[in-house]
C-alpha atoms as a PDB file:
ATOM      1  CA  GLY A   1     105.607 129.718  86.304  1.00  0.00           C
ATOM      2  CA  PRO A   2     102.373 127.767  86.213  1.00  0.00           C
ATOM      3  CA  ARG A   3      99.803 128.685  83.582  1.00  0.00           C
ATOM      4  CA  LEU A   4      96.488 129.876  84.905  1.00  0.00           C
ATOM      5  CA  LEU A   5      93.283 128.745  83.238  1.00  0.00           C
ATOM      6  CA  PHE A   6      91.627 132.108  83.822  1.00  0.00           C
ATOM      7  CA  ARG A   7      93.072 135.531  84.680  1.00  0.00           C
ATOM      8  CA  TRP A   8      90.530 137.931  86.160  1.00  0.00           C
ATOM      9  CA  ASP A   9      92.707 140.955  85.374  1.00  0.00           C
ATOM     10  CA  LYS A  10      92.301 140.285  81.612  1.00  0.00           C
ATOM     11  CA  PHE A  11      88.534 139.650  81.780  1.00  0.00           C
ATOM     12  CA  GLY A  12      87.642 143.215  80.810  1.00  0.00           C
ATOM     13  CA  LYS A  13      89.580 143.003  77.545  1.00  0.00           C
ATOM     14  CA  ALA A  14      87.884 139.761  76.517  1.00  0.00           C
ATOM     15  CA  PHE A  15      84.348 140.653  77.605  1.00  0.00           C
ATOM     16  CA  GLY A  16      83.582 143.118  74.803  1.00  0.00           C
ATOM     17  CA  PRO A  17      84.583 140.926  71.851  1.00  0.00           C
ATOM     18  CA  CYS A  18      82.932 137.847  73.394  1.00  0.00           C
ATOM     19  CA  PHE A  19      79.720 139.772  74.032  1.00  0.00           C
ATOM     20  CA  LEU A  20      79.708 141.084  70.453  1.00  0.00           C
ATOM     21  CA  ALA A  21      80.286 137.618  69.021  1.00  0.00           C
ATOM     22  CA  LEU A  22      77.497 136.152  71.118  1.00  0.00           C
ATOM     23  CA  ASN A  23      75.120 138.936  70.071  1.00  0.00           C
ATOM     24  CA  CYS A  24      75.766 138.070  66.432  1.00  0.00           C
ATOM     25  CA  HIS A  25      73.981 134.803  67.112  1.00  0.00           C
ATOM     26  CA  PHE A  26      70.772 136.517  68.151  1.00  0.00           C
ATOM     27  CA  ASN A  27      69.653 136.353  64.530  1.00  0.00           C
ATOM     28  CA  LEU A  28      68.311 132.948  65.482  1.00  0.00           C
ATOM     29  CA  PRO A  29      64.621 133.938  65.146  1.00  0.00           C
ATOM     30  CA  ASP A  30      65.179 134.542  61.438  1.00  0.00           C
ATOM     31  CA  VAL A  31      66.616 131.053  61.162  1.00  0.00           C
ATOM     32  CA  MET A  32      63.678 129.553  63.057  1.00  0.00           C
ATOM     33  CA  GLN A  33      61.020 131.095  60.832  1.00  0.00           C
ATOM     34  CA  PRO A  34      61.137 128.407  58.107  1.00  0.00           C
ATOM     35  CA  LEU A  35      60.471 125.602  60.639  1.00  0.00           C
ATOM     36  CA  ARG A  36      57.196 123.815  60.022  1.00  0.00           C
ATOM     37  CA  ASP A  37      56.840 122.514  63.584  1.00  0.00           C
ATOM     38  CA  LYS A  38      57.362 125.613  65.736  1.00  0.00           C
ATOM     39  CA  SER A  39      56.596 123.764  68.967  1.00  0.00           C
ATOM     40  CA  ARG A  40      60.209 122.564  69.079  1.00  0.00           C
ATOM     41  CA  ALA A  41      61.698 125.962  68.219  1.00  0.00           C
ATOM     42  CA  SER A  42      62.634 126.829  71.815  1.00  0.00           C
ATOM     43  CA  ILE A  43      64.430 123.507  72.280  1.00  0.00           C
ATOM     44  CA  ILE A  44      66.297 123.961  68.994  1.00  0.00           C
ATOM     45  CA  GLY A  45      67.181 127.570  69.852  1.00  0.00           C
ATOM     46  CA  THR A  46      68.386 126.735  73.352  1.00  0.00           C
ATOM     47  CA  THR A  47      70.453 123.823  72.071  1.00  0.00           C
ATOM     48  CA  ALA A  48      71.991 125.981  69.339  1.00  0.00           C
ATOM     49  CA  MET A  49      72.902 128.777  71.780  1.00  0.00           C
ATOM     50  CA  ALA A  50      74.380 126.288  74.258  1.00  0.00           C
ATOM     51  CA  PHE A  51      76.436 124.769  71.456  1.00  0.00           C
ATOM     52  CA  VAL A  52      77.711 128.216  70.437  1.00  0.00           C
ATOM     53  CA  VAL A  53      78.658 129.070  74.037  1.00  0.00           C
ATOM     54  CA  VAL A  54      80.598 125.801  74.360  1.00  0.00           C
ATOM     55  CA  LEU A  55      82.431 126.474  71.092  1.00  0.00           C
ATOM     56  CA  TYR A  56      83.368 130.012  72.161  1.00  0.00           C
ATOM     57  CA  LEU A  57      84.589 128.807  75.550  1.00  0.00           C
ATOM     58  CA  LEU A  58      86.679 126.110  73.877  1.00  0.00           C
ATOM     59  CA  LEU A  59      88.086 128.675  71.455  1.00  0.00           C
ATOM     60  CA  ALA A  60      88.887 131.071  74.312  1.00  0.00           C
ATOM     61  CA  ILE A  61      90.632 128.401  76.386  1.00  0.00           C
ATOM     62  CA  LEU A  62      92.676 127.150  73.430  1.00  0.00           C
ATOM     63  CA  GLY A  63      93.562 130.726  72.488  1.00  0.00           C
ATOM     64  CA  GLY A  64      94.632 131.429  76.054  1.00  0.00           C
ATOM     65  CA  PHE A  65      97.046 128.518  75.957  1.00  0.00           C
ATOM     66  CA  ALA A  66      98.292 129.215  72.434  1.00  0.00           C
ATOM     67  CA  PHE A  67      99.190 132.907  72.713  1.00  0.00           C
ATOM     68  CA  GLU A  68     101.391 134.450  75.363  1.00  0.00           C
ATOM     69  CA  GLN A  69     100.419 138.042  74.603  1.00  0.00           C
ATOM     70  CA  VAL A  70      97.442 139.330  72.630  1.00  0.00           C
ATOM     71  CA  ASN A  71      96.966 142.967  71.636  1.00  0.00           C
ATOM     72  CA  PRO A  72      93.474 144.386  72.198  1.00  0.00           C
ATOM     73  CA  LEU A  73      93.317 145.494  68.546  1.00  0.00           C
ATOM     74  CA  VAL A  74      93.551 142.283  66.545  1.00  0.00           C
ATOM     75  CA  THR A  75      95.422 143.817  63.610  1.00  0.00           C
ATOM     76  CA  LEU A  76      98.317 144.729  65.921  1.00  0.00           C
ATOM     77  CA  ASN A  77      98.957 141.030  66.497  1.00  0.00           C
ATOM     78  CA  TRP A  78     100.572 140.956  63.041  1.00  0.00           C
ATOM     79  CA  SER A  79     102.588 144.179  63.401  1.00  0.00           C
ATOM     80  CA  THR A  80     105.897 142.289  63.302  1.00  0.00           C
ATOM     81  CA  TYR A  81     104.868 139.854  60.548  1.00  0.00           C
ATOM     82  CA  THR A  82     107.267 139.895  57.633  1.00  0.00           C
ATOM     83  CA  GLY A  83     105.718 137.129  55.586  1.00  0.00           C
ATOM     84  CA  CYS A  84     107.291 133.998  54.220  1.00  0.00           C
ATOM     85  CA  GLY A  85     110.365 134.526  52.129  1.00  0.00           C
ATOM     86  CA  ASN A  86     109.817 137.831  50.343  1.00  0.00           C
ATOM     87  CA  GLY A  87     107.245 139.174  52.793  1.00  0.00           C
ATOM     88  CA  TRP A  88     104.002 140.709  51.582  1.00  0.00           C
END
């Protein structure tokens, strides 16, 4: 069938990891501290956060097209992996 760009029924599984990843970027004030000209700090911070959001959305869309099924626990995605040749 046709591939959907967004499936609302899977939103709950993706929300937690995306929210955690976005919160990791809230260390931005520590990065801004060394700036000499602090008057541009809000513009730099907003631009950086917007850039991060765009990258995460791009990553999510590409991941949605690349993988048919994704387990909620990331390590389970490799449960059937046997390695190359001799395995692990």
